[in-house]
Amino acid sequence: MNKILRFALALTNIVIGYVHIDGDCIVIGVRPHRRLQRRCPSCGCLCEYYDCRPTPRRWRALDLAQSKCYLEYNAVRVNCPDHGVHVESVPWARHKARFTRSFEDRVAWMAVHCTISAVADECRIEWHSVGDICARVYADLRCACGSARFEGVRRIGIDETAIKKGHRYLMVVVDHDRGCLIWAAEGWSKDVLNRFLDEMTREQRRAIEVVTADGCRWIKQLVKRRCPNAKWVMDPFHVICWMNDALDAVRREEWQVAKKAAGDVRPKRNRPGRPTKGDETPEATKSLTAASKAIKGSRFALVKGQESLTDSQRAKLGELKKAGSHLFKAWELKEDLRPCSRQQAPRRLQSCSQSGCTGQPTAG
């Protein structure tokens, strides 16, 4: 029975003492091998006994069938000469965790593919515990890999994304060749980016060939100083975004001009009520009013790519072209810029930008 439980729960270097049912939960009494007891969780050294709780601690393990499972052990506190007083380390759980390693690994894997609320419902834990678990798993992987996770990185993208409420940002760094996130930290400043570069070795920084980012000058200056062999490339995503903003500004200006022109030629009536035979709106006023409405409703047609337009949006652009509007000429300039931004980027960067890895963080 003990062998089956150790195999099912992926437990190593432990001794199972007892198993009993507590309500709707299964409780398994365990203890580490004698050589692993009273070890400091920071350095792993054998330490002196300090004190002990009157009741044993419990760690949530993977479920057995449909029942919750807990590991129970009366862990003691030890006094490490270098790190002070801490609860002794146990082989089945990370430091300061109330869940086993296998349980936390499963939660962290699910958090990559599901929402936090879905993970919390499936694993039957509180939603705020999911974030703490992911932080511990990430810290464990980061400590195990160190700077080795940056090996082979040649082309990176740097960008920020808003988190929570207010002006709070998260800086992210992606690997264009692999199409994955390699580093993230809260904040958006030189200090945050320097933290990322400090984690890389000098050889790894020199191996970086291309860095894509937005138009922040401090990023360009910092990359030039810390990564001497890297070429700074404007992120195509931001270039198109700025072009769309400029196009929308032209649209608003054109609409204001057309609206004012329609108002200037509209006849002024001296009496209220329905218009009589001589008070009808002239055809020139109707055409100018229709033109202003067409410009006002063309926002989504202008910002879309030519290959993604619907039939009604193509018709709106056709009306603007027929009228000889400056707005249609601005839209043509935007469409000419899109292939230019792809051609200027290296081949691998071009494929990554088409798949969404342009420095803008993705979900997951």
Foldseek 3Di string as FASTA:
>chain_A
DVVVVCVVQVDPQKDWDDWDDDPQAIEIEIDGDPVQACADLPPRDRFAFDFWDPAWAWAWTDDDPPGTYIYTDGWTWGQDPVPGIATRDDPQPHGPHRYGPVVLVVLLVVVQVDPLVVSCVVRVHDSVVSVVSNVVVVVVVCVVCQQVLLPPQAEKEWDWDDDDDDPKIKIWIARLLVLGTDDIDTDDDPVVVVVVLVSHDLVSLQRHAEYEYADDPVVVVVSCVSHVNYDYDYQLVVVLVVLLVVLVVLLVVVLVVLVVVLVVQFDDDDDDDDDDPVRDGDPVSVVSVVVSVLSVPLSVLLSDAPVPDDPVNVVSLVVCVVVVHVSNVSSVVSNVVNVVSLVVDDPSNSVSVVVPRRNDDDRD
